[in-house]
C-alpha cells in the first residue's frame, strides 16, 4: 500500500543506473561511526535518488524532488563519519495522537551495519519529544520492527494514514502490507471523519474509502 518502510534491504533488483553512487570504506560503516541528523535542503537530491530506486516494484511510493524539498523538515538522514549519505526516513505528524514512519530506506551496500536501527530510534525520539502518543507504519517486514516494540494492529485503527495515502494507491483494493504501531492507538474522537470499511481476504486487505 505505498509507503512501506525499507530497512537495510536485500540486494536490489533495480537497474544499476538507478542506484545511488556509493563508495566508502568498510570501517566507516561500523555502527560507532554512523550518526543521524535532521535533513537539510542540500540532502534532497540524495534522498530523492534513494527513494526513487525503491519505487519500481512499489516497495516505496514515488516522491518527487519537489515534494521532498517541501517536506525536508520531516526527514532524518543517517551518514558516515565523513558525511556520506547512506539512508533516510521521514516522520509525518498527523497530530498529537499519531505520527507515521515513512520513506525509510538504507543504501543496499550499507545494509546490516545498524543504519536502519539508528533511523528508527531517531524518529521515535522525535515523536516522544513532541509528545506524540502513537507512531505507526505500514510494512511487509514486521520482524525488524518487533525489536522496537511495534505491534501489529488493524488498518482501520490508523484511519489518518489510510485516508491520506490509500485513496491514491494502486493497491488500495489488494493491500499486502501490515499495519504496525507503538504507543497508545488513536481514540475514536481523534480519527478523521470519512467512510472506512476494510474487508479481509486471506492476506490481502480491501480498503474502501
N, C-alpha and C. Protein backbone atom coordinates (compact mmCIF):
# COMPACT_ATOMS: atom_id res chain seq x y z
N UNK A 1 0.81 -1.18 0.00
CA UNK A 1 0.00 0.00 0.00
C UNK A 1 0.85 1.24 0.00
N UNK A 2 1.88 1.32 -0.62
CA UNK A 2 2.54 2.58 -0.74
C UNK A 2 3.76 2.74 0.08
N UNK A 3 3.65 3.46 1.16
CA UNK A 3 4.85 3.91 1.86
C UNK A 3 5.37 2.85 2.80
N UNK A 4 5.76 1.73 2.26
CA UNK A 4 6.27 0.63 3.06
C UNK A 4 7.70 0.90 3.48
N UNK A 5 7.97 0.86 4.79
CA UNK A 5 9.34 1.09 5.21
C UNK A 5 10.29 0.03 4.69
N UNK A 6 11.49 0.42 4.32
CA UNK A 6 12.50 -0.49 3.84
C UNK A 6 13.72 -0.33 4.72
N UNK A 7 14.04 -1.32 5.50
CA UNK A 7 15.17 -1.24 6.39
C UNK A 7 16.26 -2.16 5.89
N UNK A 8 17.40 -1.59 5.54
CA UNK A 8 18.55 -2.37 5.15
C UNK A 8 18.13 -3.49 4.21
N UNK A 9 17.67 -3.15 3.00
CA UNK A 9 17.03 -4.10 2.10
C UNK A 9 18.01 -5.10 1.53
N UNK A 10 17.49 -6.20 0.93
CA UNK A 10 18.35 -7.16 0.27
C UNK A 10 18.93 -6.54 -0.99
N UNK A 11 19.80 -7.28 -1.63
CA UNK A 11 20.41 -6.76 -2.85
C UNK A 11 19.34 -6.34 -3.82
N UNK A 12 19.44 -5.16 -4.41
CA UNK A 12 18.36 -4.61 -5.23
C UNK A 12 18.27 -5.29 -6.57
N UNK A 13 17.04 -5.33 -7.10
CA UNK A 13 16.84 -5.88 -8.43
C UNK A 13 16.70 -4.77 -9.46
N UNK A 14 16.77 -3.50 -9.00
CA UNK A 14 16.61 -2.39 -9.92
C UNK A 14 17.88 -2.19 -10.74
N UNK A 15 17.73 -1.48 -11.81
CA UNK A 15 18.85 -1.20 -12.70
C UNK A 15 19.94 -0.43 -11.99
N UNK A 16 21.19 -0.77 -12.28
CA UNK A 16 22.30 -0.07 -11.64
C UNK A 16 22.31 1.40 -11.98
N UNK A 17 21.64 1.77 -13.07
CA UNK A 17 21.60 3.18 -13.45
C UNK A 17 20.77 4.00 -12.47
N UNK A 18 19.92 3.30 -11.68
CA UNK A 18 19.09 4.00 -10.71
C UNK A 18 19.74 4.06 -9.34
N UNK A 19 20.77 3.27 -9.15
CA UNK A 19 21.37 3.17 -7.83
C UNK A 19 22.10 4.46 -7.45
N UNK A 20 22.06 4.79 -6.17
CA UNK A 20 22.76 5.96 -5.68
C UNK A 20 24.25 5.64 -5.61
N UNK A 21 25.13 6.48 -6.16
CA UNK A 21 26.55 6.21 -6.08
C UNK A 21 26.99 6.03 -4.62
N UNK A 22 27.80 5.00 -4.38
CA UNK A 22 28.14 4.68 -3.01
C UNK A 22 29.53 4.07 -2.98
N UNK A 23 30.47 4.80 -2.42
CA UNK A 23 31.83 4.30 -2.26
C UNK A 23 32.32 4.73 -0.88
N UNK A 24 32.57 3.77 -0.01
CA UNK A 24 33.06 4.11 1.32
C UNK A 24 33.81 2.94 1.90
N UNK A 25 34.68 3.20 2.83
CA UNK A 25 35.45 2.14 3.46
C UNK A 25 34.58 1.35 4.41
N UNK A 26 34.83 0.05 4.51
CA UNK A 26 34.05 -0.80 5.41
C UNK A 26 34.12 -0.29 6.85
N UNK A 27 35.26 0.25 7.25
CA UNK A 27 35.41 0.74 8.62
C UNK A 27 34.47 1.89 8.92
N UNK A 28 34.08 2.64 7.89
CA UNK A 28 33.18 3.77 8.11
C UNK A 28 31.75 3.32 8.34
N UNK A 29 31.45 2.06 8.03
CA UNK A 29 30.09 1.57 8.18
C UNK A 29 29.85 0.91 9.53
N UNK A 30 30.83 0.94 10.40
CA UNK A 30 30.61 0.43 11.74
C UNK A 30 29.60 1.33 12.45
N UNK A 31 28.74 0.69 13.26
CA UNK A 31 27.68 1.45 13.93
C UNK A 31 28.23 2.63 14.72
N UNK A 32 29.44 2.48 15.27
CA UNK A 32 30.01 3.54 16.08
C UNK A 32 30.38 4.77 15.26
N UNK A 33 30.53 4.61 13.95
CA UNK A 33 30.92 5.74 13.11
C UNK A 33 29.73 6.37 12.40
N UNK A 34 28.55 5.76 12.50
CA UNK A 34 27.36 6.30 11.85
C UNK A 34 26.63 7.23 12.79
N UNK A 35 25.95 8.22 12.23
CA UNK A 35 25.14 9.12 13.05
C UNK A 35 23.98 9.64 12.23
N UNK A 36 22.94 10.09 12.92
CA UNK A 36 21.78 10.68 12.26
C UNK A 36 21.77 12.18 12.49
N UNK A 37 21.09 12.87 11.60
CA UNK A 37 20.85 14.30 11.76
C UNK A 37 19.63 14.67 10.95
N UNK A 38 19.03 15.80 11.28
CA UNK A 38 17.89 16.29 10.51
C UNK A 38 18.37 16.68 9.11
N UNK A 39 17.57 16.33 8.11
CA UNK A 39 17.94 16.63 6.73
C UNK A 39 17.87 18.13 6.46
N UNK A 40 18.69 18.55 5.51
CA UNK A 40 18.68 19.92 5.02
C UNK A 40 18.43 19.90 3.52
N UNK A 41 18.14 21.05 2.97
CA UNK A 41 17.77 21.10 1.55
C UNK A 41 18.83 20.49 0.64
N UNK A 42 20.08 20.62 0.99
CA UNK A 42 21.12 20.07 0.12
C UNK A 42 21.13 18.54 0.13
N UNK A 43 20.37 17.92 1.05
CA UNK A 43 20.26 16.46 1.08
C UNK A 43 19.14 15.95 0.17
N UNK A 44 18.31 16.84 -0.36
CA UNK A 44 17.10 16.43 -1.08
C UNK A 44 17.42 15.56 -2.30
N UNK A 45 18.47 15.87 -3.02
CA UNK A 45 18.80 15.10 -4.22
C UNK A 45 19.13 13.65 -3.87
N UNK A 46 19.98 13.46 -2.85
CA UNK A 46 20.35 12.10 -2.44
C UNK A 46 19.14 11.34 -1.90
N UNK A 47 18.29 12.02 -1.14
CA UNK A 47 17.08 11.39 -0.63
C UNK A 47 16.18 10.95 -1.78
N UNK A 48 16.00 11.83 -2.74
CA UNK A 48 15.15 11.52 -3.88
C UNK A 48 15.68 10.34 -4.67
N UNK A 49 16.98 10.30 -4.92
CA UNK A 49 17.57 9.19 -5.66
C UNK A 49 17.36 7.86 -4.95
N UNK A 50 17.58 7.85 -3.63
CA UNK A 50 17.46 6.60 -2.89
C UNK A 50 16.01 6.12 -2.87
N UNK A 51 15.08 7.00 -2.57
CA UNK A 51 13.67 6.61 -2.55
C UNK A 51 13.23 6.13 -3.92
N UNK A 52 13.64 6.85 -4.96
CA UNK A 52 13.23 6.50 -6.32
C UNK A 52 13.73 5.11 -6.71
N UNK A 53 14.88 4.71 -6.19
CA UNK A 53 15.43 3.41 -6.56
C UNK A 53 14.61 2.25 -6.00
N UNK A 54 13.71 2.54 -5.05
CA UNK A 54 12.86 1.50 -4.48
C UNK A 54 11.39 1.61 -4.93
N UNK A 55 11.12 2.46 -5.92
CA UNK A 55 9.73 2.64 -6.35
C UNK A 55 9.33 1.75 -7.52
N UNK A 56 10.30 1.15 -8.19
CA UNK A 56 9.98 0.40 -9.40
C UNK A 56 9.07 -0.79 -9.11
N UNK A 57 9.21 -1.39 -7.92
CA UNK A 57 8.39 -2.55 -7.55
C UNK A 57 7.38 -2.21 -6.46
N UNK A 58 7.15 -0.90 -6.27
CA UNK A 58 6.16 -0.41 -5.30
C UNK A 58 6.56 -0.67 -3.85
N UNK A 59 7.86 -0.94 -3.61
CA UNK A 59 8.32 -1.05 -2.24
C UNK A 59 8.11 0.28 -1.53
N UNK A 60 8.42 1.37 -2.21
CA UNK A 60 8.11 2.71 -1.72
C UNK A 60 7.28 3.43 -2.77
N UNK A 61 6.41 4.31 -2.31
CA UNK A 61 5.68 5.16 -3.24
C UNK A 61 6.62 6.25 -3.77
N UNK A 62 6.40 6.61 -5.01
CA UNK A 62 7.19 7.68 -5.62
C UNK A 62 6.99 8.98 -4.86
N UNK A 63 8.09 9.71 -4.66
CA UNK A 63 8.01 11.06 -4.12
C UNK A 63 8.87 11.94 -5.01
N UNK A 64 8.28 12.99 -5.50
CA UNK A 64 9.01 13.88 -6.40
C UNK A 64 10.07 14.66 -5.63
N UNK A 65 11.02 15.18 -6.39
CA UNK A 65 12.06 16.00 -5.77
C UNK A 65 11.43 17.24 -5.11
N UNK A 66 10.43 17.81 -5.77
CA UNK A 66 9.75 18.99 -5.21
C UNK A 66 9.05 18.65 -3.89
N UNK A 67 8.42 17.47 -3.83
CA UNK A 67 7.74 17.05 -2.61
C UNK A 67 8.74 16.86 -1.48
N UNK A 68 9.88 16.27 -1.78
CA UNK A 68 10.90 16.07 -0.76
C UNK A 68 11.44 17.40 -0.26
N UNK A 69 11.67 18.32 -1.18
CA UNK A 69 12.14 19.65 -0.77
C UNK A 69 11.11 20.33 0.13
N UNK A 70 9.85 20.24 -0.25
CA UNK A 70 8.78 20.89 0.51
C UNK A 70 8.66 20.31 1.91
N UNK A 71 8.97 19.02 2.04
CA UNK A 71 8.81 18.34 3.33
C UNK A 71 10.15 17.94 3.94
N UNK A 72 11.20 18.65 3.58
CA UNK A 72 12.53 18.27 4.03
C UNK A 72 12.64 18.28 5.55
N UNK A 73 11.84 19.11 6.22
CA UNK A 73 11.92 19.19 7.68
C UNK A 73 11.44 17.91 8.35
N UNK A 74 10.72 17.05 7.61
CA UNK A 74 10.24 15.79 8.19
C UNK A 74 11.28 14.68 8.09
N UNK A 75 12.34 14.90 7.31
CA UNK A 75 13.32 13.85 7.05
C UNK A 75 14.48 13.88 8.05
N UNK A 76 14.96 12.70 8.34
CA UNK A 76 16.20 12.49 9.07
C UNK A 76 17.08 11.61 8.20
N UNK A 77 18.38 11.88 8.18
CA UNK A 77 19.28 11.05 7.39
C UNK A 77 20.30 10.40 8.32
N UNK A 78 20.89 9.32 7.81
CA UNK A 78 22.00 8.68 8.50
C UNK A 78 23.20 8.76 7.58
N UNK A 79 24.34 9.08 8.13
CA UNK A 79 25.54 9.24 7.32
C UNK A 79 26.76 8.71 8.07
N UNK A 80 27.85 8.53 7.32
CA UNK A 80 29.09 8.04 7.90
C UNK A 80 29.81 9.17 8.61
N UNK A 81 30.90 8.81 9.28
CA UNK A 81 31.68 9.82 9.98
C UNK A 81 32.24 10.89 9.07
N UNK A 82 32.45 10.54 7.79
CA UNK A 82 32.97 11.52 6.83
C UNK A 82 31.85 12.27 6.13
N UNK A 83 30.60 12.01 6.53
CA UNK A 83 29.47 12.76 5.97
C UNK A 83 28.85 12.16 4.74
N UNK A 84 29.10 10.88 4.43
CA UNK A 84 28.49 10.27 3.26
C UNK A 84 27.09 9.77 3.59
N UNK A 85 26.14 10.19 2.80
CA UNK A 85 24.73 9.83 2.96
C UNK A 85 24.54 8.34 2.68
N UNK A 86 23.86 7.62 3.60
CA UNK A 86 23.58 6.21 3.33
C UNK A 86 22.13 5.82 3.58
N UNK A 87 21.32 6.72 4.12
CA UNK A 87 19.93 6.36 4.32
C UNK A 87 19.10 7.52 4.81
N UNK A 88 17.77 7.32 4.80
CA UNK A 88 16.85 8.38 5.18
C UNK A 88 15.57 7.80 5.75
N UNK A 89 14.82 8.64 6.42
CA UNK A 89 13.49 8.30 6.90
C UNK A 89 12.76 9.59 7.21
N UNK A 90 11.44 9.53 7.18
CA UNK A 90 10.64 10.72 7.47
C UNK A 90 9.61 10.41 8.54
N UNK A 91 9.30 11.40 9.35
CA UNK A 91 8.26 11.27 10.36
C UNK A 91 7.14 12.24 10.00
N UNK A 92 6.02 11.70 9.54
CA UNK A 92 4.87 12.53 9.18
C UNK A 92 3.95 12.62 10.39
N UNK A 93 3.67 13.83 10.83
CA UNK A 93 2.85 14.04 12.02
C UNK A 93 1.42 14.36 11.62
N UNK A 94 0.48 13.57 12.12
CA UNK A 94 -0.95 13.82 11.89
C UNK A 94 -1.53 14.68 13.00
N UNK A 95 -0.90 14.64 14.15
CA UNK A 95 -1.37 15.38 15.31
C UNK A 95 -0.75 14.77 16.55
N UNK A 96 -1.10 15.27 17.73
CA UNK A 96 -0.53 14.71 18.96
C UNK A 96 -0.90 13.25 19.18
N UNK A 97 -1.94 12.78 18.45
CA UNK A 97 -2.38 11.40 18.62
C UNK A 97 -1.62 10.41 17.75
N UNK A 98 -0.95 10.88 16.67
CA UNK A 98 -0.37 9.91 15.74
C UNK A 98 0.68 10.55 14.83
N UNK A 99 1.75 9.80 14.61
CA UNK A 99 2.75 10.12 13.59
C UNK A 99 3.05 8.84 12.83
N UNK A 100 3.64 8.99 11.65
CA UNK A 100 3.91 7.82 10.80
C UNK A 100 5.36 7.81 10.34
N UNK A 101 5.99 6.66 10.42
CA UNK A 101 7.31 6.45 9.82
C UNK A 101 7.11 6.22 8.32
N UNK A 102 7.76 7.06 7.51
CA UNK A 102 7.59 6.99 6.06
C UNK A 102 8.94 7.01 5.37
N UNK A 103 8.93 6.53 4.13
CA UNK A 103 10.06 6.69 3.21
C UNK A 103 11.39 6.31 3.86
N UNK A 104 11.41 5.20 4.56
CA UNK A 104 12.63 4.79 5.23
C UNK A 104 13.39 3.80 4.36
N UNK A 105 14.63 4.14 4.08
CA UNK A 105 15.44 3.33 3.18
C UNK A 105 16.91 3.48 3.52
N UNK A 106 17.64 2.40 3.33
CA UNK A 106 19.09 2.39 3.53
C UNK A 106 19.73 1.86 2.26
N UNK A 107 20.82 2.47 1.85
CA UNK A 107 21.51 2.03 0.64
C UNK A 107 21.87 0.55 0.77
N UNK A 108 21.58 -0.25 -0.26
CA UNK A 108 21.85 -1.69 -0.18
C UNK A 108 23.28 -2.04 0.20
N UNK A 109 24.25 -1.26 -0.25
CA UNK A 109 25.64 -1.56 0.06
C UNK A 109 26.00 -1.26 1.51
N UNK A 110 25.09 -0.63 2.23
CA UNK A 110 25.36 -0.28 3.63
C UNK A 110 24.48 -1.08 4.59
N UNK A 111 23.82 -2.11 4.10
CA UNK A 111 22.91 -2.87 4.95
C UNK A 111 23.67 -3.64 6.02
N UNK A 112 22.93 -3.97 7.09
CA UNK A 112 23.43 -4.77 8.21
C UNK A 112 24.58 -4.10 8.98
N UNK A 113 24.56 -2.78 9.00
CA UNK A 113 25.54 -2.06 9.81
C UNK A 113 24.86 -1.17 10.85
N UNK A 114 23.56 -1.33 11.04
CA UNK A 114 22.85 -0.60 12.08
C UNK A 114 22.24 0.71 11.66
N UNK A 115 22.34 1.06 10.37
CA UNK A 115 21.80 2.35 9.92
C UNK A 115 20.29 2.41 10.08
N UNK A 116 19.60 1.32 9.74
CA UNK A 116 18.15 1.31 9.88
C UNK A 116 17.70 1.49 11.32
N UNK A 117 18.40 0.83 12.23
CA UNK A 117 18.06 0.96 13.65
C UNK A 117 18.27 2.39 14.14
N UNK A 118 19.34 3.02 13.69
CA UNK A 118 19.59 4.41 14.08
C UNK A 118 18.46 5.31 13.62
N UNK A 119 17.97 5.09 12.41
CA UNK A 119 16.88 5.91 11.88
C UNK A 119 15.60 5.73 12.69
N UNK A 120 15.25 4.48 12.99
CA UNK A 120 14.03 4.23 13.75
C UNK A 120 14.13 4.86 15.14
N UNK A 121 15.25 4.67 15.81
CA UNK A 121 15.43 5.27 17.13
C UNK A 121 15.31 6.80 17.06
N UNK A 122 15.89 7.39 16.02
CA UNK A 122 15.84 8.85 15.89
C UNK A 122 14.41 9.34 15.73
N UNK A 123 13.62 8.65 14.91
CA UNK A 123 12.23 9.08 14.69
C UNK A 123 11.39 8.87 15.95
N UNK A 124 11.61 7.77 16.64
CA UNK A 124 10.85 7.54 17.88
C UNK A 124 11.21 8.58 18.94
N UNK A 125 12.47 8.96 18.99
CA UNK A 125 12.87 10.01 19.93
C UNK A 125 12.21 11.35 19.58
N UNK A 126 12.13 11.65 18.29
CA UNK A 126 11.48 12.88 17.85
C UNK A 126 10.00 12.89 18.23
N UNK A 127 9.35 11.75 18.03
CA UNK A 127 7.93 11.65 18.36
C UNK A 127 7.71 11.81 19.87
N UNK A 128 8.56 11.18 20.65
CA UNK A 128 8.43 11.28 22.11
C UNK A 128 8.66 12.71 22.57
N UNK A 129 9.67 13.37 22.00
CA UNK A 129 9.96 14.75 22.38
C UNK A 129 8.81 15.69 22.05
N UNK A 130 8.07 15.36 20.99
CA UNK A 130 6.94 16.19 20.58
C UNK A 130 5.65 15.84 21.32
N UNK A 131 5.70 14.82 22.17
CA UNK A 131 4.52 14.43 22.92
C UNK A 131 3.51 13.64 22.11
N UNK A 132 3.94 13.00 21.04
CA UNK A 132 3.04 12.21 20.18
C UNK A 132 2.79 10.86 20.84
N UNK A 133 1.53 10.46 20.91
CA UNK A 133 1.16 9.29 21.70
C UNK A 133 1.35 7.97 20.97
N UNK A 134 1.34 7.98 19.64
CA UNK A 134 1.47 6.73 18.90
C UNK A 134 2.22 6.98 17.60
N UNK A 135 3.03 6.00 17.20
CA UNK A 135 3.75 6.04 15.92
C UNK A 135 3.38 4.79 15.15
N UNK A 136 3.03 4.97 13.89
CA UNK A 136 2.59 3.84 13.08
C UNK A 136 3.45 3.69 11.83
N UNK A 137 3.24 2.60 11.13
CA UNK A 137 3.87 2.36 9.84
C UNK A 137 3.14 1.21 9.16
N UNK A 138 3.28 1.14 7.85
CA UNK A 138 2.77 0.01 7.07
C UNK A 138 3.99 -0.69 6.47
N UNK A 139 4.08 -1.99 6.62
CA UNK A 139 5.30 -2.69 6.21
C UNK A 139 5.00 -4.13 5.80
N UNK A 140 5.94 -4.73 5.08
CA UNK A 140 5.93 -6.16 4.83
C UNK A 140 7.01 -6.85 5.66
N UNK A 141 7.78 -6.08 6.41
CA UNK A 141 8.93 -6.61 7.17
C UNK A 141 8.67 -6.38 8.65
N UNK A 142 7.78 -7.18 9.23
CA UNK A 142 7.37 -6.94 10.61
C UNK A 142 8.45 -7.32 11.62
N UNK A 143 9.27 -8.32 11.32
CA UNK A 143 10.24 -8.82 12.29
C UNK A 143 11.20 -7.72 12.74
N UNK A 144 11.61 -6.87 11.80
CA UNK A 144 12.55 -5.81 12.16
C UNK A 144 11.94 -4.88 13.20
N UNK A 145 10.68 -4.51 13.01
CA UNK A 145 10.05 -3.52 13.89
C UNK A 145 9.62 -4.11 15.23
N UNK A 146 9.58 -5.44 15.32
CA UNK A 146 9.32 -6.06 16.62
C UNK A 146 10.35 -5.62 17.66
N UNK A 147 11.58 -5.39 17.20
CA UNK A 147 12.66 -5.02 18.11
C UNK A 147 12.44 -3.65 18.75
N UNK A 148 11.54 -2.85 18.17
CA UNK A 148 11.28 -1.50 18.69
C UNK A 148 9.90 -1.44 19.36
N UNK A 149 9.36 -2.62 19.68
CA UNK A 149 8.07 -2.75 20.36
C UNK A 149 6.87 -2.35 19.51
N UNK A 150 7.04 -2.27 18.19
CA UNK A 150 5.87 -2.12 17.32
C UNK A 150 5.07 -3.41 17.37
N UNK A 151 3.76 -3.28 17.29
CA UNK A 151 2.87 -4.44 17.28
C UNK A 151 1.93 -4.34 16.09
N UNK A 152 1.45 -5.46 15.63
CA UNK A 152 0.51 -5.50 14.51
C UNK A 152 -0.84 -4.97 14.99
N UNK A 153 -1.44 -4.10 14.20
CA UNK A 153 -2.75 -3.53 14.53
C UNK A 153 -3.66 -3.60 13.32
N UNK A 154 -4.93 -3.36 13.53
CA UNK A 154 -5.88 -3.31 12.43
C UNK A 154 -5.68 -2.04 11.62
N UNK A 155 -5.84 -2.15 10.31
CA UNK A 155 -5.67 -0.98 9.44
C UNK A 155 -6.60 0.16 9.83
N UNK A 156 -7.84 -0.19 10.21
CA UNK A 156 -8.81 0.87 10.48
C UNK A 156 -8.46 1.68 11.71
N UNK A 157 -7.57 1.18 12.55
CA UNK A 157 -7.14 1.96 13.71
C UNK A 157 -6.26 3.14 13.31
N UNK A 158 -5.76 3.12 12.07
CA UNK A 158 -4.85 4.16 11.57
C UNK A 158 -5.51 4.90 10.41
N UNK A 159 -6.72 5.34 10.62
CA UNK A 159 -7.50 5.91 9.53
C UNK A 159 -6.89 7.18 8.96
N UNK A 160 -6.15 7.93 9.75
CA UNK A 160 -5.46 9.11 9.22
C UNK A 160 -4.58 8.71 8.04
N UNK A 161 -3.81 7.65 8.25
CA UNK A 161 -2.90 7.16 7.21
C UNK A 161 -3.67 6.66 6.00
N UNK A 162 -4.71 5.89 6.24
CA UNK A 162 -5.47 5.31 5.13
C UNK A 162 -6.12 6.39 4.28
N UNK A 163 -6.73 7.37 4.92
CA UNK A 163 -7.42 8.42 4.16
C UNK A 163 -6.43 9.34 3.46
N UNK A 164 -5.23 9.45 3.97
CA UNK A 164 -4.24 10.32 3.36
C UNK A 164 -3.62 9.70 2.11
N UNK A 165 -3.22 8.41 2.20
CA UNK A 165 -2.43 7.80 1.14
C UNK A 165 -3.15 6.73 0.34
N UNK A 166 -4.00 5.95 0.99
CA UNK A 166 -4.54 4.76 0.32
C UNK A 166 -5.50 5.10 -0.81
N UNK A 167 -6.16 6.23 -0.72
CA UNK A 167 -7.11 6.60 -1.77
C UNK A 167 -6.40 6.78 -3.10
N UNK A 168 -5.09 7.09 -3.08
CA UNK A 168 -4.34 7.28 -4.32
C UNK A 168 -3.45 6.07 -4.66
N UNK A 169 -3.48 5.06 -3.82
CA UNK A 169 -2.59 3.92 -4.01
C UNK A 169 -3.18 2.93 -5.00
N UNK A 170 -2.36 2.45 -5.92
CA UNK A 170 -2.82 1.50 -6.93
C UNK A 170 -3.19 0.14 -6.32
N UNK A 171 -2.72 -0.12 -5.10
CA UNK A 171 -3.01 -1.39 -4.45
C UNK A 171 -4.04 -1.24 -3.33
N UNK A 172 -4.84 -0.21 -3.39
CA UNK A 172 -5.78 0.07 -2.30
C UNK A 172 -6.78 -1.05 -2.09
N UNK A 173 -7.10 -1.82 -3.14
CA UNK A 173 -8.07 -2.90 -3.01
C UNK A 173 -7.40 -4.26 -2.86
N UNK A 174 -6.09 -4.27 -2.74
CA UNK A 174 -5.36 -5.53 -2.54
C UNK A 174 -4.09 -5.24 -1.74
N UNK A 175 -4.27 -4.66 -0.59
CA UNK A 175 -3.13 -4.24 0.22
C UNK A 175 -2.48 -5.46 0.87
N UNK A 176 -1.17 -5.61 0.65
CA UNK A 176 -0.45 -6.73 1.24
C UNK A 176 0.51 -6.26 2.34
N UNK A 177 0.34 -5.03 2.79
CA UNK A 177 1.18 -4.53 3.87
C UNK A 177 0.49 -4.70 5.21
N UNK A 178 1.28 -4.78 6.24
CA UNK A 178 0.79 -4.98 7.59
C UNK A 178 0.92 -3.68 8.37
N UNK A 179 -0.13 -3.31 9.04
CA UNK A 179 -0.12 -2.10 9.86
C UNK A 179 0.50 -2.43 11.22
N UNK A 180 1.39 -1.56 11.68
CA UNK A 180 2.02 -1.73 12.98
C UNK A 180 2.02 -0.38 13.70
N UNK A 181 2.08 -0.44 15.00
CA UNK A 181 2.09 0.80 15.78
C UNK A 181 2.76 0.54 17.12
N UNK A 182 3.25 1.61 17.70
CA UNK A 182 3.79 1.57 19.05
C UNK A 182 3.15 2.72 19.82
N UNK A 183 2.82 2.48 21.07
CA UNK A 183 2.18 3.52 21.86
C UNK A 183 0.67 3.36 21.90
N UNK A 184 0.01 4.41 22.32
CA UNK A 184 -1.44 4.41 22.50
C UNK A 184 -2.14 4.71 21.18
N UNK A 185 -2.96 3.77 20.71
CA UNK A 185 -3.64 3.97 19.44
C UNK A 185 -4.61 5.15 19.53
N UNK A 186 -4.85 5.82 18.38
CA UNK A 186 -5.77 6.97 18.39
C UNK A 186 -7.15 6.59 18.93
N UNK A 187 -7.70 7.47 19.75
CA UNK A 187 -9.05 7.27 20.26
C UNK A 187 -10.06 7.66 19.18
N UNK A 188 -11.30 7.18 19.27
CA UNK A 188 -12.30 7.49 18.25
C UNK A 188 -12.45 8.99 17.98
N UNK A 189 -12.34 9.83 19.00
CA UNK A 189 -12.52 11.27 18.78
C UNK A 189 -11.32 11.89 18.06
N UNK A 190 -10.20 11.15 17.98
CA UNK A 190 -9.03 11.65 17.26
C UNK A 190 -9.11 11.36 15.77
N UNK A 191 -9.97 10.43 15.38
CA UNK A 191 -9.98 9.96 14.00
C UNK A 191 -10.69 10.94 13.09
N UNK A 192 -10.20 11.11 11.85
CA UNK A 192 -10.88 11.98 10.89
C UNK A 192 -12.18 11.37 10.44
N UNK A 193 -13.12 12.22 10.02
CA UNK A 193 -14.38 11.68 9.52
C UNK A 193 -14.15 11.10 8.15
N UNK A 194 -14.99 10.17 7.76
CA UNK A 194 -14.86 9.52 6.46
C UNK A 194 -15.27 8.07 6.55
N UNK A 195 -15.63 7.51 5.42
CA UNK A 195 -16.08 6.13 5.37
C UNK A 195 -14.88 5.21 5.25
N UNK A 196 -14.82 4.22 6.12
CA UNK A 196 -13.67 3.33 6.13
C UNK A 196 -14.14 1.94 6.51
N UNK A 197 -14.15 1.02 5.57
CA UNK A 197 -14.62 -0.33 5.83
C UNK A 197 -13.69 -1.34 5.17
N UNK A 198 -12.58 -1.69 5.83
CA UNK A 198 -11.69 -2.67 5.25
C UNK A 198 -12.31 -4.06 5.26
N UNK A 199 -12.04 -4.84 4.23
CA UNK A 199 -12.51 -6.21 4.17
C UNK A 199 -11.29 -7.10 4.03
N UNK A 200 -11.22 -8.14 4.85
CA UNK A 200 -10.06 -9.00 4.86
C UNK A 200 -10.30 -10.22 3.96
N UNK A 201 -9.38 -10.49 3.07
CA UNK A 201 -9.43 -11.67 2.21
C UNK A 201 -8.05 -12.32 2.26
N UNK A 202 -7.95 -13.39 3.04
CA UNK A 202 -6.67 -14.07 3.23
C UNK A 202 -5.66 -13.06 3.76
N UNK A 203 -4.55 -12.86 3.02
CA UNK A 203 -3.52 -11.93 3.48
C UNK A 203 -3.69 -10.55 2.86
N UNK A 204 -4.75 -10.34 2.09
CA UNK A 204 -4.97 -9.04 1.46
C UNK A 204 -6.06 -8.29 2.20
N UNK A 205 -5.98 -6.98 2.16
CA UNK A 205 -6.98 -6.13 2.80
C UNK A 205 -7.55 -5.20 1.75
N UNK A 206 -8.87 -5.21 1.61
CA UNK A 206 -9.52 -4.30 0.68
C UNK A 206 -9.93 -3.06 1.44
N UNK A 207 -9.48 -1.91 0.95
CA UNK A 207 -9.74 -0.65 1.63
C UNK A 207 -10.72 0.17 0.80
N UNK A 208 -11.92 0.34 1.30
CA UNK A 208 -12.97 1.06 0.59
C UNK A 208 -13.16 2.40 1.28
N UNK A 209 -12.88 3.47 0.54
CA UNK A 209 -12.98 4.79 1.13
C UNK A 209 -14.10 5.59 0.46
